[in-house]
C-alpha atoms as a PDB file:
ATOM      1  CA  MET A   1     -44.888 -31.513-102.819  1.00  0.00           C
ATOM      2  CA  SER A   2     -43.120 -28.215-102.060  1.00  0.00           C
ATOM      3  CA  ALA A   3     -39.356 -27.977-102.480  1.00  0.00           C
ATOM      4  CA  ILE A   4     -37.152 -28.003 -99.409  1.00  0.00           C
ATOM      5  CA  PRO A   5     -35.685 -24.541 -98.789  1.00  0.00           C
ATOM      6  CA  SER A   6     -31.950 -24.162 -99.150  1.00  0.00           C
ATOM      7  CA  GLY A   7     -30.038 -24.479 -95.873  1.00  0.00           C
ATOM      8  CA  VAL A   8     -32.644 -26.736 -94.232  1.00  0.00           C
ATOM      9  CA  VAL A   9     -32.035 -30.452 -93.746  1.00  0.00           C
ATOM     10  CA  ALA A  10     -34.922 -32.836 -94.361  1.00  0.00           C
ATOM     11  CA  VAL A  11     -36.133 -35.149 -91.590  1.00  0.00           C
ATOM     12  CA  ASP A  12     -37.466 -38.679 -91.380  1.00  0.00           C
ATOM     13  CA  SER A  13     -40.120 -37.980 -88.753  1.00  0.00           C
ATOM     14  CA  ASP A  14     -41.459 -35.322 -86.440  1.00  0.00           C
ATOM     15  CA  GLY A  15     -41.207 -37.414 -83.271  1.00  0.00           C
ATOM     16  CA  PRO A  16     -39.312 -36.424 -80.125  1.00  0.00           C
ATOM     17  CA  ALA A  17     -36.248 -38.366 -81.223  1.00  0.00           C
ATOM     18  CA  ALA A  18     -35.997 -36.331 -84.429  1.00  0.00           C
ATOM     19  CA  ARG A  19     -36.126 -33.048 -82.507  1.00  0.00           C
ATOM     20  CA  SER A  20     -33.416 -34.085 -80.063  1.00  0.00           C
ATOM     21  CA  ALA A  21     -29.982 -32.546 -80.569  1.00  0.00           C
ATOM     22  CA  VAL A  22     -28.219 -35.651 -79.228  1.00  0.00           C
ATOM     23  CA  SER A  23     -28.718 -39.230 -80.423  1.00  0.00           C
ATOM     24  CA  TRP A  24     -27.513 -41.107 -77.376  1.00  0.00           C
ATOM     25  CA  PRO A  25     -28.154 -44.605 -78.804  1.00  0.00           C
ATOM     26  CA  ALA A  26     -25.855 -43.802 -81.740  1.00  0.00           C
ATOM     27  CA  ILE A  27     -23.209 -42.386 -79.394  1.00  0.00           C
ATOM     28  CA  LEU A  28     -23.336 -45.422 -77.117  1.00  0.00           C
ATOM     29  CA  ALA A  29     -23.193 -47.809 -80.075  1.00  0.00           C
ATOM     30  CA  GLY A  30     -20.179 -46.010 -81.513  1.00  0.00           C
ATOM     31  CA  GLY A  31     -18.418 -45.954 -78.143  1.00  0.00           C
ATOM     32  CA  VAL A  32     -18.933 -49.660 -77.529  1.00  0.00           C
ATOM     33  CA  ALA A  33     -17.695 -50.507 -81.026  1.00  0.00           C
ATOM     34  CA  ALA A  34     -14.614 -48.324 -80.541  1.00  0.00           C
ATOM     35  CA  GLY A  35     -13.833 -49.940 -77.189  1.00  0.00           C
ATOM     36  CA  ALA A  36     -14.158 -53.468 -78.562  1.00  0.00           C
ATOM     37  CA  LEU A  37     -11.999 -52.686 -81.579  1.00  0.00           C
ATOM     38  CA  SER A  38      -9.353 -51.123 -79.333  1.00  0.00           C
ATOM     39  CA  LEU A  39      -9.165 -54.317 -77.292  1.00  0.00           C
ATOM     40  CA  ILE A  40      -8.775 -56.437 -80.433  1.00  0.00           C
ATOM     41  CA  LEU A  41      -6.024 -54.209 -81.797  1.00  0.00           C
ATOM     42  CA  LEU A  42      -4.209 -54.140 -78.451  1.00  0.00           C
ATOM     43  CA  ALA A  43      -4.228 -57.937 -78.336  1.00  0.00           C
ATOM     44  CA  PHE A  44      -2.919 -58.067 -81.902  1.00  0.00           C
ATOM     45  CA  GLY A  45      -0.241 -55.492 -81.099  1.00  0.00           C
ATOM     46  CA  ALA A  46       0.885 -57.441 -78.040  1.00  0.00           C
ATOM     47  CA  GLY A  47       1.389 -60.532 -80.168  1.00  0.00           C
ATOM     48  CA  ILE A  48       3.271 -58.600 -82.843  1.00  0.00           C
ATOM     49  CA  GLY A  49       5.421 -56.962 -80.168  1.00  0.00           C
ATOM     50  CA  LEU A  50       6.588 -60.296 -78.812  1.00  0.00           C
ATOM     51  CA  THR A  51       7.758 -61.317 -82.275  1.00  0.00           C
ATOM     52  CA  VAL A  52      10.018 -58.285 -82.716  1.00  0.00           C
ATOM     53  CA  VAL A  53      11.692 -58.447 -79.284  1.00  0.00           C
ATOM     54  CA  SER A  54      14.662 -60.804 -79.107  1.00  0.00           C
ATOM     55  CA  PRO A  55      16.990 -61.584 -76.181  1.00  0.00           C
ATOM     56  CA  TRP A  56      19.927 -61.924 -78.565  1.00  0.00           C
ATOM     57  CA  PRO A  57      22.258 -58.966 -79.216  1.00  0.00           C
ATOM     58  CA  ASP A  58      21.797 -57.115 -82.522  1.00  0.00           C
ATOM     59  CA  SER A  59      18.578 -59.014 -83.146  1.00  0.00           C
ATOM     60  CA  GLY A  60      15.133 -57.437 -83.090  1.00  0.00           C
ATOM     61  CA  LEU A  61      14.254 -54.099 -81.560  1.00  0.00           C
ATOM     62  CA  GLY A  62      16.037 -52.683 -78.552  1.00  0.00           C
ATOM     63  CA  GLY A  63      14.348 -51.089 -75.591  1.00  0.00           C
ATOM     64  CA  THR A  64      14.270 -47.576 -77.084  1.00  0.00           C
ATOM     65  CA  GLY A  65      13.116 -48.758 -80.504  1.00  0.00           C
ATOM     66  CA  PHE A  66      10.437 -50.946 -79.008  1.00  0.00           C
ATOM     67  CA  GLY A  67       9.151 -48.073 -76.870  1.00  0.00           C
ATOM     68  CA  ILE A  68       8.836 -45.773 -79.883  1.00  0.00           C
ATOM     69  CA  ALA A  69       7.175 -48.496 -81.980  1.00  0.00           C
ATOM     70  CA  ALA A  70       4.723 -49.246 -79.160  1.00  0.00           C
ATOM     71  CA  GLY A  71       3.863 -45.548 -78.830  1.00  0.00           C
ATOM     72  CA  ILE A  72       3.237 -45.178 -82.569  1.00  0.00           C
ATOM     73  CA  TYR A  73       1.072 -48.294 -82.555  1.00  0.00           C
ATOM     74  CA  LEU A  74      -0.903 -46.905 -79.617  1.00  0.00           C
ATOM     75  CA  VAL A  75      -1.681 -43.798 -81.677  1.00  0.00           C
ATOM     76  CA  ILE A  76      -2.689 -45.945 -84.669  1.00  0.00           C
ATOM     77  CA  VAL A  77      -5.013 -48.024 -82.484  1.00  0.00           C
ATOM     78  CA  ALA A  78      -6.663 -44.876 -81.148  1.00  0.00           C
ATOM     79  CA  ILE A  79      -7.170 -43.439 -84.636  1.00  0.00           C
ATOM     80  CA  MET A  80      -8.608 -46.642 -86.118  1.00  0.00           C
ATOM     81  CA  SER A  81     -10.941 -47.533 -83.267  1.00  0.00           C
ATOM     82  CA  SER A  82     -12.108 -43.945 -82.700  1.00  0.00           C
ATOM     83  CA  ALA A  83     -12.756 -43.442 -86.406  1.00  0.00           C
ATOM     84  CA  VAL A  84     -14.995 -46.518 -86.502  1.00  0.00           C
ATOM     85  CA  GLY A  85     -16.858 -45.407 -83.385  1.00  0.00           C
ATOM     86  CA  GLY A  86     -17.287 -41.854 -84.657  1.00  0.00           C
ATOM     87  CA  TYR A  87     -18.490 -43.037 -88.052  1.00  0.00           C
ATOM     88  CA  LEU A  88     -21.134 -45.239 -86.450  1.00  0.00           C
ATOM     89  CA  ALA A  89     -22.247 -42.405 -84.169  1.00  0.00           C
ATOM     90  CA  GLY A  90     -22.720 -40.117 -87.173  1.00  0.00           C
ATOM     91  CA  ARG A  91     -24.275 -42.713 -89.460  1.00  0.00           C
ATOM     92  CA  LEU A  92     -26.756 -44.095 -86.914  1.00  0.00           C
ATOM     93  CA  ARG A  93     -28.044 -40.801 -85.548  1.00  0.00           C
ATOM     94  CA  VAL A  94     -31.462 -39.411 -86.534  1.00  0.00           C
ATOM     95  CA  ARG A  95     -31.938 -36.433 -88.793  1.00  0.00           C
ATOM     96  CA  TRP A  96     -32.696 -33.124 -87.161  1.00  0.00           C
ATOM     97  CA  THR A  97     -35.738 -30.986 -87.917  1.00  0.00           C
ATOM     98  CA  GLY A  98     -34.978 -27.719 -89.665  1.00  0.00           C
ATOM     99  CA  ALA A  99     -31.326 -27.641 -88.642  1.00  0.00           C
ATOM    100  CA  HIS A 100     -28.951 -25.463 -90.631  1.00  0.00           C
ATOM    101  CA  PRO A 101     -26.057 -27.328 -92.320  1.00  0.00           C
ATOM    102  CA  ASP A 102     -23.574 -25.564 -90.070  1.00  0.00           C
ATOM    103  CA  GLU A 103     -25.530 -26.747 -87.031  1.00  0.00           C
ATOM    104  CA  VAL A 104     -25.610 -30.284 -88.428  1.00  0.00           C
ATOM    105  CA  PHE A 105     -21.849 -30.098 -88.933  1.00  0.00           C
ATOM    106  CA  PHE A 106     -21.369 -29.061 -85.315  1.00  0.00           C
ATOM    107  CA  ARG A 107     -23.701 -31.749 -83.983  1.00  0.00           C
ATOM    108  CA  ASP A 108     -21.977 -34.467 -85.985  1.00  0.00           C
ATOM    109  CA  THR A 109     -18.619 -33.301 -84.649  1.00  0.00           C
ATOM    110  CA  ALA A 110     -20.019 -33.377 -81.128  1.00  0.00           C
ATOM    111  CA  HIS A 111     -21.430 -36.874 -81.662  1.00  0.00           C
ATOM    112  CA  GLY A 112     -18.034 -38.146 -82.745  1.00  0.00           C
ATOM    113  CA  LEU A 113     -16.362 -36.479 -79.772  1.00  0.00           C
ATOM    114  CA  LEU A 114     -18.940 -37.906 -77.364  1.00  0.00           C
ATOM    115  CA  SER A 115     -18.564 -41.412 -78.786  1.00  0.00           C
ATOM    116  CA  TRP A 116     -14.789 -41.119 -78.299  1.00  0.00           C
ATOM    117  CA  ALA A 117     -15.285 -39.854 -74.744  1.00  0.00           C
ATOM    118  CA  PHE A 118     -17.652 -42.713 -73.938  1.00  0.00           C
ATOM    119  CA  ALA A 119     -15.234 -45.279 -75.382  1.00  0.00           C
ATOM    120  CA  THR A 120     -12.387 -43.747 -73.335  1.00  0.00           C
ATOM    121  CA  VAL A 121     -14.388 -43.857 -70.104  1.00  0.00           C
ATOM    122  CA  LEU A 122     -15.633 -47.357 -70.916  1.00  0.00           C
ATOM    123  CA  GLY A 123     -12.095 -48.532 -71.557  1.00  0.00           C
ATOM    124  CA  ALA A 124     -10.829 -47.012 -68.318  1.00  0.00           C
ATOM    125  CA  ALA A 125     -13.692 -48.441 -66.260  1.00  0.00           C
ATOM    126  CA  LEU A 126     -14.440 -51.837 -67.783  1.00  0.00           C
ATOM    127  CA  LEU A 127     -11.731 -52.768 -70.273  1.00  0.00           C
ATOM    128  CA  SER A 128      -8.745 -51.734 -68.159  1.00  0.00           C
ATOM    129  CA  GLY A 129      -8.533 -55.177 -66.559  1.00  0.00           C
ATOM    130  CA  ALA A 130      -8.430 -56.954 -69.910  1.00  0.00           C
ATOM    131  CA  ALA A 131      -6.053 -54.407 -71.436  1.00  0.00           C
ATOM    132  CA  THR A 132      -3.777 -54.614 -68.395  1.00  0.00           C
ATOM    133  CA  HIS A 133      -3.806 -58.403 -68.638  1.00  0.00           C
ATOM    134  CA  ILE A 134      -2.780 -58.222 -72.301  1.00  0.00           C
ATOM    135  CA  ALA A 135      -0.025 -55.682 -71.626  1.00  0.00           C
ATOM    136  CA  ALA A 136       1.207 -57.610 -68.592  1.00  0.00           C
ATOM    137  CA  GLY A 137       1.270 -60.818 -70.587  1.00  0.00           C
ATOM    138  CA  ALA A 138       3.341 -59.187 -73.299  1.00  0.00           C
ATOM    139  CA  ALA A 139       5.771 -57.620 -70.837  1.00  0.00           C
ATOM    140  CA  GLY A 140       5.968 -60.785 -68.784  1.00  0.00           C
ATOM    141  CA  GLY A 141       6.672 -62.899 -71.852  1.00  0.00           C
ATOM    142  CA  ALA A 142       9.441 -60.595 -73.004  1.00  0.00           C
ATOM    143  CA  THR A 143      10.979 -60.455 -69.545  1.00  0.00           C
ATOM    144  CA  GLN A 144      10.810 -64.213 -69.122  1.00  0.00           C
ATOM    145  CA  ALA A 145      12.420 -64.711 -72.529  1.00  0.00           C
ATOM    146  CA  VAL A 146      15.350 -62.512 -71.524  1.00  0.00           C
ATOM    147  CA  ALA A 147      15.843 -63.208 -67.848  1.00  0.00           C
ATOM    148  CA  GLY A 148      13.809 -66.300 -67.024  1.00  0.00           C
ATOM    149  CA  ALA A 149      11.259 -66.664 -64.303  1.00  0.00           C
ATOM    150  CA  GLY A 150      12.128 -64.994 -61.041  1.00  0.00           C
ATOM    151  CA  GLU A 151      11.469 -66.274 -57.604  1.00  0.00           C
ATOM    152  CA  SER A 152       9.905 -64.601 -54.595  1.00  0.00           C
ATOM    153  CA  GLY A 153      11.725 -61.447 -53.496  1.00  0.00           C
ATOM    154  CA  SER A 154      13.580 -61.011 -56.762  1.00  0.00           C
ATOM    155  CA  GLY A 155      13.900 -57.661 -58.435  1.00  0.00           C
ATOM    156  CA  PRO A 156      16.368 -54.885 -59.252  1.00  0.00           C
ATOM    157  CA  ALA A 157      17.107 -54.184 -55.575  1.00  0.00           C
ATOM    158  CA  GLN A 158      17.855 -57.851 -54.886  1.00  0.00           C
ATOM    159  CA  THR A 159      20.110 -57.988 -57.932  1.00  0.00           C
ATOM    160  CA  ILE A 160      22.090 -55.063 -56.561  1.00  0.00           C
ATOM    161  CA  VAL A 161      22.442 -56.789 -53.184  1.00  0.00           C
ATOM    162  CA  ASP A 162      23.635 -59.922 -55.002  1.00  0.00           C
ATOM    163  CA  GLY A 163      26.368 -57.843 -56.582  1.00  0.00           C
ATOM    164  CA  LEU A 164      27.425 -56.490 -53.196  1.00  0.00           C
ATOM    165  CA  LEU A 165      27.759 -59.966 -51.681  1.00  0.00           C
ATOM    166  CA  ARG A 166      29.407 -61.645 -54.659  1.00  0.00           C
ATOM    167  CA  SER A 167      32.411 -63.704 -53.533  1.00  0.00           C
ATOM    168  CA  ASP A 168      34.366 -66.848 -54.338  1.00  0.00           C
ATOM    169  CA  PRO A 169      31.803 -69.620 -55.014  1.00  0.00           C
ATOM    170  CA  ALA A 170      34.178 -72.191 -53.491  1.00  0.00           C
ATOM    171  CA  VAL A 171      33.855 -70.565 -50.064  1.00  0.00           C
ATOM    172  CA  PRO A 172      31.004 -72.233 -48.125  1.00  0.00           C
ATOM    173  CA  ARG A 173      28.197 -69.959 -46.876  1.00  0.00           C
ATOM    174  CA  ASN A 174      25.649 -70.196 -44.135  1.00  0.00           C
ATOM    175  CA  PRO A 175      22.240 -69.772 -45.846  1.00  0.00           C
ATOM    176  CA  GLU A 176      20.548 -68.379 -42.738  1.00  0.00           C
ATOM    177  CA  GLN A 177      23.368 -65.914 -42.136  1.00  0.00           C
ATOM    178  CA  MET A 178      23.327 -64.805 -45.777  1.00  0.00           C
ATOM    179  CA  ALA A 179      19.560 -64.254 -45.672  1.00  0.00           C
ATOM    180  CA  ALA A 180      19.899 -62.055 -42.600  1.00  0.00           C
ATOM    181  CA  THR A 181      22.784 -60.171 -44.200  1.00  0.00           C
ATOM    182  CA  ARG A 182      20.805 -59.551 -47.381  1.00  0.00           C
ATOM    183  CA  ALA A 183      17.840 -58.247 -45.416  1.00  0.00           C
ATOM    184  CA  GLU A 184      20.039 -55.934 -43.344  1.00  0.00           C
ATOM    185  CA  LEU A 185      21.834 -54.562 -46.392  1.00  0.00           C
ATOM    186  CA  SER A 186      18.521 -53.939 -48.122  1.00  0.00           C
ATOM    187  CA  ARG A 187      17.313 -51.891 -45.163  1.00  0.00           C
ATOM    188  CA  LEU A 188      20.572 -49.942 -44.964  1.00  0.00           C
ATOM    189  CA  LEU A 189      20.622 -49.101 -48.677  1.00  0.00           C
ATOM    190  CA  ALA A 190      16.914 -48.325 -49.062  1.00  0.00           C
ATOM    191  CA  PRO A 191      17.184 -44.619 -48.061  1.00  0.00           C
ATOM    192  CA  ALA A 192      20.067 -44.073 -50.482  1.00  0.00           C
ATOM    193  CA  PHE A 193      17.966 -45.244 -53.423  1.00  0.00           C
ATOM    194  CA  GLY A 194      15.608 -42.287 -53.114  1.00  0.00           C
ATOM    195  CA  ARG A 195      15.847 -39.186 -55.245  1.00  0.00           C
ATOM    196  CA  ASP A 196      16.922 -36.706 -52.571  1.00  0.00           C
ATOM    197  CA  GLU A 197      18.151 -39.085 -49.907  1.00  0.00           C
ATOM    198  CA  THR A 198      21.775 -39.645 -49.016  1.00  0.00           C
ATOM    199  CA  MET A 199      23.286 -42.450 -46.997  1.00  0.00           C
ATOM    200  CA  ALA A 200      24.820 -41.227 -43.751  1.00  0.00           C
ATOM    201  CA  ALA A 201      28.542 -41.857 -43.327  1.00  0.00           C
ATOM    202  CA  PRO A 202      28.166 -44.263 -40.350  1.00  0.00           C
ATOM    203  CA  GLU A 203      25.612 -46.397 -42.220  1.00  0.00           C
ATOM    204  CA  ARG A 204      27.764 -46.376 -45.354  1.00  0.00           C
ATOM    205  CA  THR A 205      30.825 -47.478 -43.377  1.00  0.00           C
ATOM    206  CA  TYR A 206      28.860 -50.164 -41.549  1.00  0.00           C
ATOM    207  CA  ALA A 207      27.411 -51.503 -44.813  1.00  0.00           C
ATOM    208  CA  ALA A 208      30.911 -51.613 -46.309  1.00  0.00           C
ATOM    209  CA  GLN A 209      32.143 -53.531 -43.248  1.00  0.00           C
ATOM    210  CA  ILE A 210      29.354 -56.088 -43.700  1.00  0.00           C
ATOM    211  CA  VAL A 211      30.226 -56.545 -47.363  1.00  0.00           C
ATOM    212  CA  ALA A 212      33.938 -56.874 -46.546  1.00  0.00           C
ATOM    213  CA  ALA A 213      33.275 -59.425 -43.802  1.00  0.00           C
ATOM    214  CA  ARG A 214      30.940 -61.573 -45.911  1.00  0.00           C
ATOM    215  CA  THR A 215      32.962 -61.497 -49.133  1.00  0.00           C
ATOM    216  CA  GLY A 216      36.551 -61.288 -47.899  1.00  0.00           C
ATOM    217  CA  ILE A 217      37.417 -58.205 -49.942  1.00  0.00           C
ATOM    218  CA  SER A 218      39.150 -55.129 -48.550  1.00  0.00           C
ATOM    219  CA  LEU A 219      37.193 -52.295 -46.957  1.00  0.00           C
ATOM    220  CA  PRO A 220      38.004 -49.777 -49.757  1.00  0.00           C
ATOM    221  CA  ASP A 221      36.780 -52.277 -52.333  1.00  0.00           C
ATOM    222  CA  ALA A 222      33.614 -52.813 -50.309  1.00  0.00           C
ATOM    223  CA  GLU A 223      33.010 -49.057 -50.147  1.00  0.00           C
ATOM    224  CA  GLN A 224      33.467 -48.893 -53.901  1.00  0.00           C
ATOM    225  CA  ARG A 225      30.854 -51.625 -54.298  1.00  0.00           C
ATOM    226  CA  ILE A 226      28.449 -49.651 -52.095  1.00  0.00           C
ATOM    227  CA  ASN A 227      28.912 -46.506 -54.185  1.00  0.00           C
ATOM    228  CA  LEU A 228      28.413 -48.472 -57.403  1.00  0.00           C
ATOM    229  CA  ALA A 229      25.264 -50.118 -56.020  1.00  0.00           C
ATOM    230  CA  ILE A 230      23.740 -46.728 -55.159  1.00  0.00           C
ATOM    231  CA  LEU A 231      24.595 -45.424 -58.622  1.00  0.00           C
ATOM    232  CA  GLN A 232      23.004 -48.456 -60.288  1.00  0.00           C
ATOM    233  CA  ALA A 233      19.836 -48.125 -58.228  1.00  0.00           C
ATOM    234  CA  ARG A 234      19.420 -44.460 -59.006  1.00  0.00           C
ATOM    235  CA  THR A 235      20.104 -45.051 -62.694  1.00  0.00           C
ATOM    236  CA  ALA A 236      17.413 -47.746 -62.788  1.00  0.00           C
ATOM    237  CA  ALA A 237      14.952 -45.443 -61.015  1.00  0.00           C
ATOM    238  CA  ASP A 238      15.708 -42.633 -63.456  1.00  0.00           C
ATOM    239  CA  ASP A 239      15.227 -44.955 -66.434  1.00  0.00           C
ATOM    240  CA  ALA A 240      11.864 -46.038 -65.032  1.00  0.00           C
ATOM    241  CA  ARG A 241      10.876 -42.389 -64.563  1.00  0.00           C
ATOM    242  CA  LYS A 242      11.791 -41.553 -68.164  1.00  0.00           C
ATOM    243  CA  ALA A 243       9.860 -44.564 -69.432  1.00  0.00           C
ATOM    244  CA  GLY A 244       6.818 -43.435 -67.463  1.00  0.00           C
ATOM    245  CA  ILE A 245       7.055 -39.934 -68.925  1.00  0.00           C
ATOM    246  CA  ALA A 246       7.369 -41.291 -72.461  1.00  0.00           C
ATOM    247  CA  PHE A 247       4.354 -43.562 -71.986  1.00  0.00           C
ATOM    248  CA  SER A 248       2.267 -40.683 -70.613  1.00  0.00           C
ATOM    249  CA  LEU A 249       3.145 -38.487 -73.589  1.00  0.00           C
ATOM    250  CA  TRP A 250       2.340 -41.227 -76.089  1.00  0.00           C
ATOM    251  CA  LEU A 251      -0.945 -41.907 -74.290  1.00  0.00           C
ATOM    252  CA  ALA A 252      -1.885 -38.221 -74.421  1.00  0.00           C
ATOM    253  CA  ALA A 253      -1.018 -38.104 -78.121  1.00  0.00           C
ATOM    254  CA  SER A 254      -3.133 -41.180 -78.820  1.00  0.00           C
ATOM    255  CA  LEU A 255      -6.123 -39.710 -76.969  1.00  0.00           C
ATOM    256  CA  LEU A 256      -5.921 -36.441 -78.900  1.00  0.00           C
ATOM    257  CA  ALA A 257      -5.547 -38.292 -82.205  1.00  0.00           C
ATOM    258  CA  GLY A 258      -8.515 -40.496 -81.319  1.00  0.00           C
ATOM    259  CA  ALA A 259     -10.725 -37.505 -80.518  1.00  0.00           C
ATOM    260  CA  PHE A 260      -9.813 -35.842 -83.828  1.00  0.00           C
ATOM    261  CA  ALA A 261     -10.380 -39.024 -85.846  1.00  0.00           C
ATOM    262  CA  ALA A 262     -13.743 -39.687 -84.187  1.00  0.00           C
ATOM    263  CA  SER A 263     -14.961 -36.153 -84.927  1.00  0.00           C
ATOM    264  CA  LEU A 264     -13.955 -36.325 -88.598  1.00  0.00           C
ATOM    265  CA  ALA A 265     -15.455 -39.786 -89.051  1.00  0.00           C
ATOM    266  CA  ALA A 266     -18.720 -38.678 -87.457  1.00  0.00           C
ATOM    267  CA  ILE A 267     -18.948 -35.785 -89.924  1.00  0.00           C
ATOM    268  CA  GLU A 268     -18.548 -38.243 -92.799  1.00  0.00           C
ATOM    269  CA  GLY A 269     -21.045 -40.687 -91.313  1.00  0.00           C
ATOM    270  CA  GLY A 270     -23.589 -37.940 -90.702  1.00  0.00           C
ATOM    271  CA  GLY A 271     -23.152 -36.601 -94.226  1.00  0.00           C
ATOM    272  CA  LEU A 272     -23.743 -40.052 -95.671  1.00  0.00           C
ATOM    273  CA  ARG A 273     -26.754 -40.442 -93.375  1.00  0.00           C
ATOM    274  CA  ASP A 274     -28.329 -37.253 -94.726  1.00  0.00           C
ATOM    275  CA  GLY A 275     -27.148 -37.742 -98.298  1.00  0.00           C
ATOM    276  CA  THR A 276     -25.123 -34.517 -98.261  1.00  0.00           C
ATOM    277  CA  TRP A 277     -21.599 -35.931 -98.110  1.00  0.00           C
ATOM    278  CA  LYS A 278     -20.844 -35.791-101.856  1.00  0.00           C
ATOM    279  CA  ARG A 279     -22.281 -32.294-102.124  1.00  0.00           C
ATOM    280  CA  ALA A 280     -20.153 -31.168 -99.176  1.00  0.00           C
END
């Protein structure tokens, strides 16, 4: 048997699969494994997250700390799951006929990247419902632990309207009249909650008159409540915007880390497949 020339990788067979530059079965297998492992780790992370969030002051992680911890965990999940998927894609692929080691290195890197891409698309298309359910369950559990279950129509805007209409509990109220007042105030204040919207002076004065009439406070105090309500609403909207930006950045970081980990793991898996890993 003649010796194999230097720089040429041996092959298992001369069939069409061995001559192909892409081993799609290995890529699909690695992507599916990465997607399944991501779901398991997300479920585990959701459970761990609920144990570190506490409604009591100075106990557990706060909102900022929890957001940073969740972002770091998201990156860890991406690295672990993508590394497993990339390794399988490199280890399960066929050997290539007469390919130079540099070409094998490139193809293994591409296989890891493709397995990561397939797992990402699979997660977005098929696993998003399950992942959203897990995330929603975690967020819902934390919210319920802090604030209790809400009823229909509750939310930050309704809480602000409650603050506007707060008065002496001993004074009897007409439920139907209060419901109509709440709805009217919500409509009047809605434009002022926007980013670039301002509440016209007549509407602001009218809203203050409604608050003064329903609560018995003076008109200047009612106007002060209106101004405070607008400030609270815009602060809440800005906090939500910042949280969305932070989540997007962490998600982008996790995707990049996952792609890198999958490529490196595929190189290792391919080297072990060909028996060249220790020599490399």
